[in-house]
PDB file of N, CA and C in Angstrom:
ATOM      1  N   MET A   1      54.330  99.603  88.694  1.00  0.00           N
ATOM      2  CA  MET A   1      55.544  98.890  88.327  1.00  0.00           C
ATOM      3  C   MET A   1      55.152  97.459  87.957  1.00  0.00           C
ATOM      4  N   SER A   2      55.645  96.982  86.853  1.00  0.00           N
ATOM      5  CA  SER A   2      55.292  95.630  86.420  1.00  0.00           C
ATOM      6  C   SER A   2      56.164  94.610  87.149  1.00  0.00           C
ATOM      7  N   GLN A   3      55.736  93.354  87.049  1.00  0.00           N
ATOM      8  CA  GLN A   3      56.430  92.284  87.754  1.00  0.00           C
ATOM      9  C   GLN A   3      57.817  92.029  87.155  1.00  0.00           C
ATOM     10  N   SER A   4      57.988  92.254  85.845  1.00  0.00           N
ATOM     11  CA  SER A   4      59.279  92.014  85.211  1.00  0.00           C
ATOM     12  C   SER A   4      60.323  93.023  85.689  1.00  0.00           C
ATOM     13  N   GLU A   5      59.892  94.260  86.019  1.00  0.00           N
ATOM     14  CA  GLU A   5      60.828  95.258  86.515  1.00  0.00           C
ATOM     15  C   GLU A   5      61.317  94.911  87.919  1.00  0.00           C
ATOM     16  N   ASP A   6      60.478  94.260  88.737  1.00  0.00           N
ATOM     17  CA  ASP A   6      60.864  93.885  90.091  1.00  0.00           C
ATOM     18  C   ASP A   6      61.937  92.808  90.114  1.00  0.00           C
ATOM     19  N   THR A   7      61.928  91.917  89.140  1.00  0.00           N
ATOM     20  CA  THR A   7      62.860  90.790  89.145  1.00  0.00           C
ATOM     21  C   THR A   7      64.194  91.131  88.485  1.00  0.00           C
ATOM     22  N   LYS A   8      64.272  92.262  87.782  1.00  0.00           N
ATOM     23  CA  LYS A   8      65.530  92.641  87.132  1.00  0.00           C
ATOM     24  C   LYS A   8      66.552  93.026  88.193  1.00  0.00           C
ATOM     25  N   PRO A   9      67.817  92.595  88.013  1.00  0.00           N
ATOM     26  CA  PRO A   9      68.842  93.030  88.976  1.00  0.00           C
ATOM     27  C   PRO A   9      69.122  94.517  88.790  1.00  0.00           C
ATOM     28  N   LYS A  10      69.409  95.180  89.906  1.00  0.00           N
ATOM     29  CA  LYS A  10      69.698  96.610  89.839  1.00  0.00           C
ATOM     30  C   LYS A  10      71.040  96.821  89.163  1.00  0.00           C
ATOM     31  N   LYS A  11      71.090  97.840  88.313  1.00  0.00           N
ATOM     32  CA  LYS A  11      72.320  98.148  87.603  1.00  0.00           C
ATOM     33  C   LYS A  11      73.272  98.886  88.537  1.00  0.00           C
ATOM     34  N   GLN A  12      74.520  98.410  88.623  1.00  0.00           N
ATOM     35  CA  GLN A  12      75.521  99.068  89.449  1.00  0.00           C
ATOM     36  C   GLN A  12      76.115 100.230  88.679  1.00  0.00           C
ATOM     37  N   ASP A  13      76.517 101.269  89.406  1.00  0.00           N
ATOM     38  CA  ASP A  13      77.040 102.457  88.743  1.00  0.00           C
ATOM     39  C   ASP A  13      78.562 102.481  88.667  1.00  0.00           C
ATOM     40  N   GLY A  14      79.237 101.371  88.888  1.00  0.00           N
ATOM     41  CA  GLY A  14      80.671 101.294  88.682  1.00  0.00           C
ATOM     42  C   GLY A  14      81.517 101.494  89.919  1.00  0.00           C
ATOM     43  N   ARG A  15      80.913 101.859  91.050  1.00  0.00           N
ATOM     44  CA  ARG A  15      81.706 102.039  92.268  1.00  0.00           C
ATOM     45  C   ARG A  15      82.042 100.677  92.871  1.00  0.00           C
ATOM     46  N   LYS A  16      83.170 100.621  93.558  1.00  0.00           N
ATOM     47  CA  LYS A  16      83.623  99.381  94.168  1.00  0.00           C
ATOM     48  C   LYS A  16      82.638  98.945  95.251  1.00  0.00           C
ATOM     49  N   ASN A  17      82.289  97.682  95.273  1.00  0.00           N
ATOM     50  CA  ASN A  17      81.365  97.083  96.253  1.00  0.00           C
ATOM     51  C   ASN A  17      80.024  97.798  96.299  1.00  0.00           C
ATOM     52  N   ASN A  18      79.553  98.260  95.154  1.00  0.00           N
ATOM     53  CA  ASN A  18      78.252  98.912  95.114  1.00  0.00           C
ATOM     54  C   ASN A  18      77.162  97.855  95.242  1.00  0.00           C
ATOM     55  N   GLY A  19      76.079  98.223  95.852  1.00  0.00           N
ATOM     56  CA  GLY A  19      74.953  97.299  95.996  1.00  0.00           C
ATOM     57  C   GLY A  19      75.093  96.431  97.217  1.00  0.00           C
ATOM     58  N   ALA A  20      75.157  97.027  98.403  1.00  0.00           N
ATOM     59  CA  ALA A  20      75.273  96.264  99.646  1.00  0.00           C
ATOM     60  C   ALA A  20      74.050  95.378  99.814  1.00  0.00           C
ATOM     61  N   VAL A  21      74.259  94.185 100.341  1.00  0.00           N
ATOM     62  CA  VAL A  21      73.195  93.218 100.544  1.00  0.00           C
ATOM     63  C   VAL A  21      72.820  93.236 102.015  1.00  0.00           C
ATOM     64  N   LYS A  22      71.513  93.244 102.294  1.00  0.00           N
ATOM     65  CA  LYS A  22      71.057  93.261 103.682  1.00  0.00           C
ATOM     66  C   LYS A  22      71.542  92.008 104.404  1.00  0.00           C
ATOM     67  N   GLY A  23      72.098  92.254 105.597  1.00  0.00           N
ATOM     68  CA  GLY A  23      72.532  91.130 106.412  1.00  0.00           C
ATOM     69  C   GLY A  23      73.946  90.657 106.120  1.00  0.00           C
ATOM     70  N   VAL A  24      74.567  91.172 105.058  1.00  0.00           N
ATOM     71  CA  VAL A  24      75.923  90.768 104.711  1.00  0.00           C
ATOM     72  C   VAL A  24      76.854  91.923 105.024  1.00  0.00           C
ATOM     73  N   TYR A  25      77.790  91.713 105.936  1.00  0.00           N
ATOM     74  CA  TYR A  25      78.736  92.750 106.330  1.00  0.00           C
ATOM     75  C   TYR A  25      79.978  92.659 105.466  1.00  0.00           C
ATOM     76  N   ARG A  26      80.313  93.743 104.774  1.00  0.00           N
ATOM     77  CA  ARG A  26      81.499  93.772 103.921  1.00  0.00           C
ATOM     78  C   ARG A  26      82.475  94.851 104.369  1.00  0.00           C
ATOM     79  N   GLY A  27      82.431  95.227 105.633  1.00  0.00           N
ATOM     80  CA  GLY A  27      83.364  96.214 106.142  1.00  0.00           C
ATOM     81  C   GLY A  27      82.859  97.643 106.037  1.00  0.00           C
ATOM     82  N   GLN A  28      81.567  97.839 105.726  1.00  0.00           N
ATOM     83  CA  GLN A  28      81.036  99.188 105.608  1.00  0.00           C
ATOM     84  C   GLN A  28      80.938  99.837 106.985  1.00  0.00           C
ATOM     85  N   GLY A  29      80.949 101.140 106.993  1.00  0.00           N
ATOM     86  CA  GLY A  29      80.701 101.879 108.225  1.00  0.00           C
ATOM     87  C   GLY A  29      81.944 102.098 109.068  1.00  0.00           C
ATOM     88  N   ARG A  30      81.707 102.670 110.229  1.00  0.00           N
ATOM     89  CA  ARG A  30      82.783 103.013 111.157  1.00  0.00           C
ATOM     90  C   ARG A  30      83.272 101.744 111.855  1.00  0.00           C
ATOM     91  N   PRO A  31      84.590 101.631 112.070  1.00  0.00           N
ATOM     92  CA  PRO A  31      85.101 100.462 112.796  1.00  0.00           C
ATOM     93  C   PRO A  31      84.579 100.444 114.234  1.00  0.00           C
ATOM     94  N   THR A  32      84.484  99.271 114.796  1.00  0.00           N
ATOM     95  CA  THR A  32      83.977  99.148 116.165  1.00  0.00           C
ATOM     96  C   THR A  32      84.994  99.716 117.146  1.00  0.00           C
ATOM     97  N   LYS A  33      84.505 100.075 118.334  1.00  0.00           N
ATOM     98  CA  LYS A  33      85.385 100.627 119.374  1.00  0.00           C
ATOM     99  C   LYS A  33      86.444  99.606 119.782  1.00  0.00           C
ATOM    100  N   ALA A  34      86.086  98.326 119.790  1.00  0.00           N
ATOM    101  CA  ALA A  34      87.045  97.292 120.181  1.00  0.00           C
ATOM    102  C   ALA A  34      88.236  97.262 119.227  1.00  0.00           C
ATOM    103  N   LYS A  35      87.962  97.381 117.917  1.00  0.00           N
ATOM    104  CA  LYS A  35      89.049  97.389 116.940  1.00  0.00           C
ATOM    105  C   LYS A  35      89.912  98.634 117.113  1.00  0.00           C
ATOM    106  N   GLU A  36      89.275  99.772 117.392  1.00  0.00           N
ATOM    107  CA  GLU A  36      90.010 101.018 117.583  1.00  0.00           C
ATOM    108  C   GLU A  36      90.902 100.951 118.825  1.00  0.00           C
ATOM    109  N   LYS A  37      90.374 100.419 119.917  1.00  0.00           N
ATOM    110  CA  LYS A  37      91.162 100.287 121.150  1.00  0.00           C
ATOM    111  C   LYS A  37      92.309  99.306 120.957  1.00  0.00           C
ATOM    112  N   ASP A  38      92.053  98.228 120.205  1.00  0.00           N
ATOM    113  CA  ASP A  38      93.088  97.235 119.935  1.00  0.00           C
ATOM    114  C   ASP A  38      94.229  97.856 119.125  1.00  0.00           C
ATOM    115  N   LEU A  39      93.878  98.686 118.133  1.00  0.00           N
ATOM    116  CA  LEU A  39      94.881  99.349 117.318  1.00  0.00           C
ATOM    117  C   LEU A  39      95.695 100.332 118.170  1.00  0.00           C
ATOM    118  N   ASN A  40      95.026 101.087 119.051  1.00  0.00           N
ATOM    119  CA  ASN A  40      95.737 102.011 119.941  1.00  0.00           C
ATOM    120  C   ASN A  40      96.709 101.260 120.854  1.00  0.00           C
ATOM    121  N   ARG A  41      96.281 100.127 121.361  1.00  0.00           N
ATOM    122  CA  ARG A  41      97.125  99.324 122.245  1.00  0.00           C
ATOM    123  C   ARG A  41      98.349  98.805 121.505  1.00  0.00           C
ATOM    124  N   MET A  42      98.146  98.362 120.268  1.00  0.00           N
ATOM    125  CA  MET A  42      99.264  97.831 119.481  1.00  0.00           C
ATOM    126  C   MET A  42     100.277  98.924 119.139  1.00  0.00           C
ATOM    127  N   THR A  43      99.817 100.125 118.775  1.00  0.00           N
ATOM    128  CA  THR A  43     100.758 101.199 118.435  1.00  0.00           C
ATOM    129  C   THR A  43     101.533 101.661 119.670  1.00  0.00           C
ATOM    130  N   LEU A  44     100.874 101.734 120.810  1.00  0.00           N
ATOM    131  CA  LEU A  44     101.561 102.115 122.041  1.00  0.00           C
ATOM    132  C   LEU A  44     102.614 101.074 122.416  1.00  0.00           C
ATOM    133  N   SER A  45     102.263  99.795 122.236  1.00  0.00           N
ATOM    134  CA  SER A  45     103.205  98.720 122.520  1.00  0.00           C
ATOM    135  C   SER A  45     104.421  98.804 121.597  1.00  0.00           C
ATOM    136  N   ALA A  46     104.188  99.093 120.327  1.00  0.00           N
ATOM    137  CA  ALA A  46     105.292  99.207 119.368  1.00  0.00           C
ATOM    138  C   ALA A  46     106.194 100.391 119.715  1.00  0.00           C
ATOM    139  N   LEU A  47     105.592 101.517 120.139  1.00  0.00           N
ATOM    140  CA  LEU A  47     106.392 102.676 120.548  1.00  0.00           C
ATOM    141  C   LEU A  47     107.272 102.340 121.743  1.00  0.00           C
ATOM    142  N   LYS A  48     106.705 101.662 122.731  1.00  0.00           N
ATOM    143  CA  LYS A  48     107.459 101.324 123.939  1.00  0.00           C
ATOM    144  C   LYS A  48     108.592 100.350 123.630  1.00  0.00           C
ATOM    145  N   LYS A  49     108.347  99.398 122.730  1.00  0.00           N
ATOM    146  CA  LYS A  49     109.393  98.442 122.374  1.00  0.00           C
ATOM    147  C   LYS A  49     110.517  99.126 121.608  1.00  0.00           C
ATOM    148  N   THR A  50     110.173 100.062 120.737  1.00  0.00           N
ATOM    149  CA  THR A  50     111.176 100.716 119.900  1.00  0.00           C
ATOM    150  C   THR A  50     111.952 101.796 120.644  1.00  0.00           C
ATOM    151  N   PHE A  51     111.233 102.667 121.354  1.00  0.00           N
ATOM    152  CA  PHE A  51     111.869 103.825 121.982  1.00  0.00           C
ATOM    153  C   PHE A  51     112.003 103.723 123.501  1.00  0.00           C
ATOM    154  N   GLY A  52     111.275 102.829 124.122  1.00  0.00           N
ATOM    155  CA  GLY A  52     111.309 102.693 125.582  1.00  0.00           C
ATOM    156  C   GLY A  52     110.100 103.346 126.244  1.00  0.00           C
ATOM    157  N   SER A  53     109.660 104.492 125.726  1.00  0.00           N
ATOM    158  CA  SER A  53     108.460 105.169 126.245  1.00  0.00           C
ATOM    159  C   SER A  53     107.980 106.182 125.203  1.00  0.00           C
ATOM    160  N   GLU A  54     106.779 106.719 125.421  1.00  0.00           N
ATOM    161  CA  GLU A  54     106.250 107.733 124.505  1.00  0.00           C
ATOM    162  C   GLU A  54     107.111 108.992 124.546  1.00  0.00           C
ATOM    163  N   GLU A  55     107.565 109.356 125.738  1.00  0.00           N
ATOM    164  CA  GLU A  55     108.378 110.559 125.886  1.00  0.00           C
ATOM    165  C   GLU A  55     109.668 110.449 125.071  1.00  0.00           C
ATOM    166  N   LYS A  56     110.307 109.274 125.096  1.00  0.00           N
ATOM    167  CA  LYS A  56     111.549 109.085 124.334  1.00  0.00           C
ATOM    168  C   LYS A  56     111.286 109.172 122.830  1.00  0.00           C
ATOM    169  N   MET A  57     110.117 108.711 122.408  1.00  0.00           N
ATOM    170  CA  MET A  57     109.742 108.805 120.996  1.00  0.00           C
ATOM    171  C   MET A  57     109.641 110.270 120.595  1.00  0.00           C
ATOM    172  N   TRP A  58     109.003 111.107 121.429  1.00  0.00           N
ATOM    173  CA  TRP A  58     108.861 112.531 121.124  1.00  0.00           C
ATOM    174  C   TRP A  58     110.221 113.233 121.145  1.00  0.00           C
ATOM    175  N   ILE A  59     111.105 112.776 121.988  1.00  0.00           N
ATOM    176  CA  ILE A  59     112.461 113.343 122.013  1.00  0.00           C
ATOM    177  C   ILE A  59     113.172 113.053 120.695  1.00  0.00           C
ATOM    178  N   GLU A  60     113.006 111.838 120.182  1.00  0.00           N
ATOM    179  CA  GLU A  60     113.606 111.485 118.890  1.00  0.00           C
ATOM    180  C   GLU A  60     113.025 112.325 117.755  1.00  0.00           C
ATOM    181  N   VAL A  61     111.703 112.524 117.780  1.00  0.00           N
ATOM    182  CA  VAL A  61     111.061 113.353 116.748  1.00  0.00           C
ATOM    183  C   VAL A  61     111.606 114.777 116.826  1.00  0.00           C
ATOM    184  N   ALA A  62     111.748 115.308 118.044  1.00  0.00           N
ATOM    185  CA  ALA A  62     112.275 116.657 118.233  1.00  0.00           C
ATOM    186  C   ALA A  62     113.725 116.751 117.751  1.00  0.00           C
ATOM    187  N   LYS A  63     114.528 115.707 117.982  1.00  0.00           N
ATOM    188  CA  LYS A  63     115.925 115.709 117.521  1.00  0.00           C
ATOM    189  C   LYS A  63     115.978 115.775 115.996  1.00  0.00           C
ATOM    190  N   LEU A  64     115.148 114.960 115.342  1.00  0.00           N
ATOM    191  CA  LEU A  64     115.126 114.961 113.877  1.00  0.00           C
ATOM    192  C   LEU A  64     114.655 116.311 113.336  1.00  0.00           C
ATOM    193  N   ALA A  65     113.689 116.924 114.026  1.00  0.00           N
ATOM    194  CA  ALA A  65     113.210 118.249 113.606  1.00  0.00           C
ATOM    195  C   ALA A  65     114.316 119.279 113.755  1.00  0.00           C
ATOM    196  N   LYS A  66     115.093 119.169 114.836  1.00  0.00           N
ATOM    197  CA  LYS A  66     116.180 120.115 115.080  1.00  0.00           C
ATOM    198  C   LYS A  66     117.289 119.963 114.037  1.00  0.00           C
ATOM    199  N   GLU A  67     117.480 118.743 113.546  1.00  0.00           N
ATOM    200  CA  GLU A  67     118.498 118.489 112.527  1.00  0.00           C
ATOM    201  C   GLU A  67     118.089 119.028 111.153  1.00  0.00           C
ATOM    202  N   GLY A  68     116.832 119.446 111.029  1.00  0.00           N
ATOM    203  CA  GLY A  68     116.404 120.046 109.760  1.00  0.00           C
ATOM    204  C   GLY A  68     115.326 119.294 109.015  1.00  0.00           C
ATOM    205  N   SER A  69     114.760 118.260 109.593  1.00  0.00           N
ATOM    206  CA  SER A  69     113.706 117.515 108.917  1.00  0.00           C
ATOM    207  C   SER A  69     112.388 118.303 109.004  1.00  0.00           C
ATOM    208  N   ALA A  70     111.937 118.799 107.859  1.00  0.00           N
ATOM    209  CA  ALA A  70     110.719 119.613 107.818  1.00  0.00           C
ATOM    210  C   ALA A  70     109.483 118.785 108.181  1.00  0.00           C
ATOM    211  N   LYS A  71     109.459 117.527 107.757  1.00  0.00           N
ATOM    212  CA  LYS A  71     108.300 116.674 108.069  1.00  0.00           C
ATOM    213  C   LYS A  71     108.168 116.462 109.578  1.00  0.00           C
ATOM    214  N   HIS A  72     109.299 116.207 110.239  1.00  0.00           N
ATOM    215  CA  HIS A  72     109.253 115.986 111.682  1.00  0.00           C
ATOM    216  C   HIS A  72     108.874 117.281 112.405  1.00  0.00           C
ATOM    217  N   TRP A  73     109.358 118.408 111.900  1.00  0.00           N
ATOM    218  CA  TRP A  73     109.013 119.701 112.498  1.00  0.00           C
ATOM    219  C   TRP A  73     107.506 119.951 112.365  1.00  0.00           C
ATOM    220  N   ASP A  74     106.953 119.729 111.163  1.00  0.00           N
ATOM    221  CA  ASP A  74     105.517 119.911 110.957  1.00  0.00           C
ATOM    222  C   ASP A  74     104.704 118.986 111.847  1.00  0.00           C
ATOM    223  N   TYR A  75     105.150 117.738 111.943  1.00  0.00           N
ATOM    224  CA  TYR A  75     104.451 116.755 112.780  1.00  0.00           C
ATOM    225  C   TYR A  75     104.454 117.187 114.240  1.00  0.00           C
ATOM    226  N   LEU A  76     105.587 117.614 114.712  1.00  0.00           N
ATOM    227  CA  LEU A  76     105.729 118.030 116.103  1.00  0.00           C
ATOM    228  C   LEU A  76     104.868 119.256 116.397  1.00  0.00           C
ATOM    229  N   MET A  77     104.917 120.248 115.521  1.00  0.00           N
ATOM    230  CA  MET A  77     104.147 121.483 115.729  1.00  0.00           C
ATOM    231  C   MET A  77     102.642 121.248 115.606  1.00  0.00           C
ATOM    232  N   SER A  78     102.234 120.444 114.628  1.00  0.00           N
ATOM    233  CA  SER A  78     100.801 120.209 114.461  1.00  0.00           C
ATOM    234  C   SER A  78     100.244 119.373 115.612  1.00  0.00           C
ATOM    235  N   TYR A  79     101.056 118.478 116.158  1.00  0.00           N
ATOM    236  CA  TYR A  79     100.595 117.682 117.298  1.00  0.00           C
ATOM    237  C   TYR A  79     100.498 118.549 118.552  1.00  0.00           C
ATOM    238  N   ARG A  80     101.456 119.437 118.724  1.00  0.00           N
ATOM    239  CA  ARG A  80     101.488 120.273 119.931  1.00  0.00           C
ATOM    240  C   ARG A  80     100.498 121.427 119.868  1.00  0.00           C
ATOM    241  N   TYR A  81     100.443 122.148 118.738  1.00  0.00           N
ATOM    242  CA  TYR A  81      99.640 123.364 118.643  1.00  0.00           C
ATOM    243  C   TYR A  81      98.431 123.245 117.727  1.00  0.00           C
ATOM    244  N   GLY A  82      98.275 122.122 117.057  1.00  0.00           N
ATOM    245  CA  GLY A  82      97.170 121.955 116.118  1.00  0.00           C
ATOM    246  C   GLY A  82      97.573 122.426 114.735  1.00  0.00           C
ATOM    247  N   LYS A  83      96.835 121.967 113.751  1.00  0.00           N
ATOM    248  CA  LYS A  83      97.149 122.355 112.380  1.00  0.00           C
ATOM    249  C   LYS A  83      96.776 123.817 112.189  1.00  0.00           C
ATOM    250  N   PRO A  84      97.607 124.557 111.447  1.00  0.00           N
ATOM    251  CA  PRO A  84      97.283 125.973 111.231  1.00  0.00           C
ATOM    252  C   PRO A  84      96.043 126.123 110.354  1.00  0.00           C
ATOM    253  N   LYS A  85      95.301 127.192 110.607  1.00  0.00           N
ATOM    254  CA  LYS A  85      94.112 127.452 109.801  1.00  0.00           C
ATOM    255  C   LYS A  85      94.559 127.911 108.424  1.00  0.00           C
ATOM    256  N   GLU A  86      93.827 127.470 107.434  1.00  0.00           N
ATOM    257  CA  GLU A  86      94.164 127.824 106.067  1.00  0.00           C
ATOM    258  C   GLU A  86      93.723 129.260 105.819  1.00  0.00           C
ATOM    259  N   MET A  87      94.661 130.072 105.382  1.00  0.00           N
ATOM    260  CA  MET A  87      94.367 131.485 105.133  1.00  0.00           C
ATOM    261  C   MET A  87      94.098 131.679 103.645  1.00  0.00           C
ATOM    262  N   GLN A  88      93.051 132.433 103.345  1.00  0.00           N
ATOM    263  CA  GLN A  88      92.750 132.763 101.961  1.00  0.00           C
ATOM    264  C   GLN A  88      92.910 134.259 101.790  1.00  0.00           C
ATOM    265  N   GLN A  89      93.647 134.648 100.775  1.00  0.00           N
ATOM    266  CA  GLN A  89      93.846 136.054 100.516  1.00  0.00           C
ATOM    267  C   GLN A  89      92.764 136.527  99.560  1.00  0.00           C
ATOM    268  N   ILE A  90      91.976 137.468 100.032  1.00  0.00           N
ATOM    269  CA  ILE A  90      90.880 137.989  99.225  1.00  0.00           C
ATOM    270  C   ILE A  90      91.247 139.403  98.797  1.00  0.00           C
ATOM    271  N   ASP A  91      91.276 139.624  97.505  1.00  0.00           N
ATOM    272  CA  ASP A  91      91.576 140.939  96.959  1.00  0.00           C
ATOM    273  C   ASP A  91      90.276 141.575  96.504  1.00  0.00           C
ATOM    274  N   VAL A  92      89.887 142.646  97.163  1.00  0.00           N
ATOM    275  CA  VAL A  92      88.658 143.336  96.800  1.00  0.00           C
ATOM    276  C   VAL A  92      89.048 144.632  96.108  1.00  0.00           C
ATOM    277  N   ASN A  93      88.591 144.790  94.895  1.00  0.00           N
ATOM    278  CA  ASN A  93      88.873 145.999  94.144  1.00  0.00           C
ATOM    279  C   ASN A  93      87.830 147.041  94.526  1.00  0.00           C
ATOM    280  N   THR A  94      88.249 148.054  95.286  1.00  0.00           N
ATOM    281  CA  THR A  94      87.306 149.072  95.753  1.00  0.00           C
ATOM    282  C   THR A  94      87.201 150.236  94.782  1.00  0.00           C
ATOM    283  N   LYS A  95      87.938 150.212  93.710  1.00  0.00           N
ATOM    284  CA  LYS A  95      87.888 151.268  92.724  1.00  0.00           C
ATOM    285  C   LYS A  95      86.629 151.094  91.882  1.00  0.00           C
ATOM    286  N   VAL A  96      85.741 152.078  91.959  1.00  0.00           N
ATOM    287  CA  VAL A  96      84.478 152.007  91.231  1.00  0.00           C
ATOM    288  C   VAL A  96      84.411 153.184  90.279  1.00  0.00           C
ATOM    289  N   ASN A  97      84.063 152.931  89.060  1.00  0.00           N
ATOM    290  CA  ASN A  97      83.963 153.971  88.051  1.00  0.00           C
ATOM    291  C   ASN A  97      82.506 154.422  87.960  1.00  0.00           C
ATOM    292  N   ILE A  98      82.181 155.546  88.635  1.00  0.00           N
ATOM    293  CA  ILE A  98      80.815 156.070  88.645  1.00  0.00           C
ATOM    294  C   ILE A  98      80.836 157.433  87.955  1.00  0.00           C
ATOM    295  N   PRO A  99      79.957 157.642  86.991  1.00  0.00           N
ATOM    296  CA  PRO A  99      79.935 158.957  86.343  1.00  0.00           C
ATOM    297  C   PRO A  99      79.459 160.035  87.329  1.00  0.00           C
ATOM    298  N   VAL A 100      80.070 161.205  87.254  1.00  0.00           N
ATOM    299  CA  VAL A 100      79.718 162.311  88.141  1.00  0.00           C
ATOM    300  C   VAL A 100      78.728 163.216  87.419  1.00  0.00           C
ATOM    301  N   ILE A 101      77.601 163.448  88.065  1.00  0.00           N
ATOM    302  CA  ILE A 101      76.581 164.329  87.498  1.00  0.00           C
ATOM    303  C   ILE A 101      76.509 165.572  88.381  1.00  0.00           C
ATOM    304  N   ASP A 102      76.656 166.723  87.785  1.00  0.00           N
ATOM    305  CA  ASP A 102      76.634 167.984  88.520  1.00  0.00           C
ATOM    306  C   ASP A 102      75.222 168.577  88.427  1.00  0.00           C
ATOM    307  N   PHE A 103      74.470 168.550  89.537  1.00  0.00           N
ATOM    308  CA  PHE A 103      73.119 169.077  89.566  1.00  0.00           C
ATOM    309  C   PHE A 103      73.087 170.543  90.013  1.00  0.00           C
ATOM    310  N   THR A 104      74.217 171.103  90.404  1.00  0.00           N
ATOM    311  CA  THR A 104      74.232 172.471  90.907  1.00  0.00           C
ATOM    312  C   THR A 104      74.100 173.499  89.798  1.00  0.00           C
ATOM    313  N   GLN A 105      74.642 173.245  88.624  1.00  0.00           N
ATOM    314  CA  GLN A 105      74.538 174.167  87.497  1.00  0.00           C
ATOM    315  C   GLN A 105      73.807 173.462  86.360  1.00  0.00           C
ATOM    316  N   PRO A 106      72.526 173.771  86.178  1.00  0.00           N
ATOM    317  CA  PRO A 106      71.772 173.092  85.113  1.00  0.00           C
ATOM    318  C   PRO A 106      72.284 173.475  83.727  1.00  0.00           C
ATOM    319  N   LYS A 107      72.279 172.517  82.845  1.00  0.00           N
ATOM    320  CA  LYS A 107      72.715 172.741  81.470  1.00  0.00           C
ATOM    321  C   LYS A 107      71.574 173.403  80.694  1.00  0.00           C
ATOM    322  N   THR A 108      71.908 174.259  79.776  1.00  0.00           N
ATOM    323  CA  THR A 108      70.912 174.914  78.951  1.00  0.00           C
ATOM    324  C   THR A 108      70.554 173.983  77.811  1.00  0.00           C
ATOM    325  N   ILE A 109      69.257 173.799  77.623  1.00  0.00           N
ATOM    326  CA  ILE A 109      68.778 172.926  76.559  1.00  0.00           C
ATOM    327  C   ILE A 109      68.217 173.801  75.451  1.00  0.00           C
ATOM    328  N   ASP A 110      68.628 173.540  74.227  1.00  0.00           N
ATOM    329  CA  ASP A 110      68.139 174.294  73.076  1.00  0.00           C
ATOM    330  C   ASP A 110      66.754 173.781  72.728  1.00  0.00           C
ATOM    331  N   VAL A 111      65.735 174.661  72.844  1.00  0.00           N
ATOM    332  CA  VAL A 111      64.363 174.252  72.569  1.00  0.00           C
ATOM    333  C   VAL A 111      63.937 174.625  71.158  1.00  0.00           C
ATOM    334  N   GLN A 112      64.787 175.311  70.414  1.00  0.00           N
ATOM    335  CA  GLN A 112      64.491 175.670  69.034  1.00  0.00           C
ATOM    336  C   GLN A 112      64.631 174.413  68.192  1.00  0.00           C
ATOM    337  N   HIS A 113      63.573 174.026  67.516  1.00  0.00           N
ATOM    338  CA  HIS A 113      63.585 172.818  66.704  1.00  0.00           C
ATOM    339  C   HIS A 113      63.477 173.204  65.244  1.00  0.00           C
ATOM    340  N   GLU A 114      64.348 172.703  64.450  1.00  0.00           N
ATOM    341  CA  GLU A 114      64.319 173.004  63.023  1.00  0.00           C
ATOM    342  C   GLU A 114      64.198 171.705  62.249  1.00  0.00           C
ATOM    343  N   GLU A 115      63.422 171.761  61.185  1.00  0.00           N
ATOM    344  CA  GLU A 115      63.270 170.603  60.300  1.00  0.00           C
ATOM    345  C   GLU A 115      64.404 170.632  59.282  1.00  0.00           C
ATOM    346  N   ILE A 116      65.054 169.479  59.079  1.00  0.00           N
ATOM    347  CA  ILE A 116      66.121 169.370  58.100  1.00  0.00           C
ATOM    348  C   ILE A 116      65.672 168.384  57.037  1.00  0.00           C
ATOM    349  N   LYS A 117      65.741 168.813  55.800  1.00  0.00           N
ATOM    350  CA  LYS A 117      65.338 167.934  54.700  1.00  0.00           C
ATOM    351  C   LYS A 117      66.499 167.036  54.329  1.00  0.00           C
ATOM    352  N   ASP A 118      66.175 165.754  54.190  1.00  0.00           N
ATOM    353  CA  ASP A 118      67.186 164.797  53.752  1.00  0.00           C
ATOM    354  C   ASP A 118      67.176 164.794  52.230  1.00  0.00           C
ATOM    355  N   ASP A 119      68.272 165.156  51.597  1.00  0.00           N
ATOM    356  CA  ASP A 119      68.319 165.289  50.152  1.00  0.00           C
ATOM    357  C   ASP A 119      68.177 163.957  49.435  1.00  0.00           C
ATOM    358  N   ASN A 120      68.604 162.871  50.042  1.00  0.00           N
ATOM    359  CA  ASN A 120      68.576 161.562  49.366  1.00  0.00           C
ATOM    360  C   ASN A 120      67.165 161.026  49.231  1.00  0.00           C
ATOM    361  N   LYS A 121      66.338 161.154  50.268  1.00  0.00           N
ATOM    362  CA  LYS A 121      65.042 160.497  50.248  1.00  0.00           C
ATOM    363  C   LYS A 121      63.896 161.500  50.165  1.00  0.00           C
ATOM    364  N   GLY A 122      64.134 162.744  50.386  1.00  0.00           N
ATOM    365  CA  GLY A 122      63.091 163.728  50.306  1.00  0.00           C
ATOM    366  C   GLY A 122      62.208 163.751  51.547  1.00  0.00           C
ATOM    367  N   THR A 123      62.680 163.132  52.658  1.00  0.00           N
ATOM    368  CA  THR A 123      61.888 163.126  53.891  1.00  0.00           C
ATOM    369  C   THR A 123      62.466 164.140  54.857  1.00  0.00           C
ATOM    370  N   THR A 124      61.679 164.499  55.824  1.00  0.00           N
ATOM    371  CA  THR A 124      62.146 165.441  56.816  1.00  0.00           C
ATOM    372  C   THR A 124      62.476 164.687  58.096  1.00  0.00           C
ATOM    373  N   THR A 125      63.535 165.145  58.768  1.00  0.00           N
ATOM    374  CA  THR A 125      63.918 164.554  60.021  1.00  0.00           C
ATOM    375  C   THR A 125      64.068 165.653  61.040  1.00  0.00           C
ATOM    376  N   GLY A 126      63.880 165.324  62.309  1.00  0.00           N
ATOM    377  CA  GLY A 126      64.031 166.305  63.360  1.00  0.00           C
ATOM    378  C   GLY A 126      65.492 166.448  63.722  1.00  0.00           C
ATOM    379  N   GLY A 127      65.865 167.596  64.205  1.00  0.00           N
ATOM    380  CA  GLY A 127      67.248 167.806  64.602  1.00  0.00           C
ATOM    381  C   GLY A 127      67.572 169.270  64.603  1.00  0.00           C
ATOM    382  N   LYS A 128      68.810 169.638  64.712  1.00  0.00           N
ATOM    383  CA  LYS A 128      69.243 171.033  64.762  1.00  0.00           C
ATOM    384  C   LYS A 128      69.411 171.579  63.390  1.00  0.00           C
TER     385      LYS A 128
END
């Protein structure tokens, strides 16, 4: 590799924030546990302020689901029982077209060979 190639800046491929610089943190990677715990604490606090407790929040979600809200019903069921497994319907065509060969009764083969003259070219061809 020549020295001029080393000094050229690397070409970015168009992705956002491509070309991370060593030692410079730009928010890459998994969030720290402290940030995750802080977010959990804030959401729990907001639930308690709004509904009084987590249980009251779930009661409200259940009421909305009972009134006919499909989103609340899905949320409630997926939280309680887990998301349903995605089912794929596979159609296998078992119909196979196989020729049937009967080996029990051998076919008679005509062994008599006759030469037939072709009138157009004057050549002989094999055949019946």
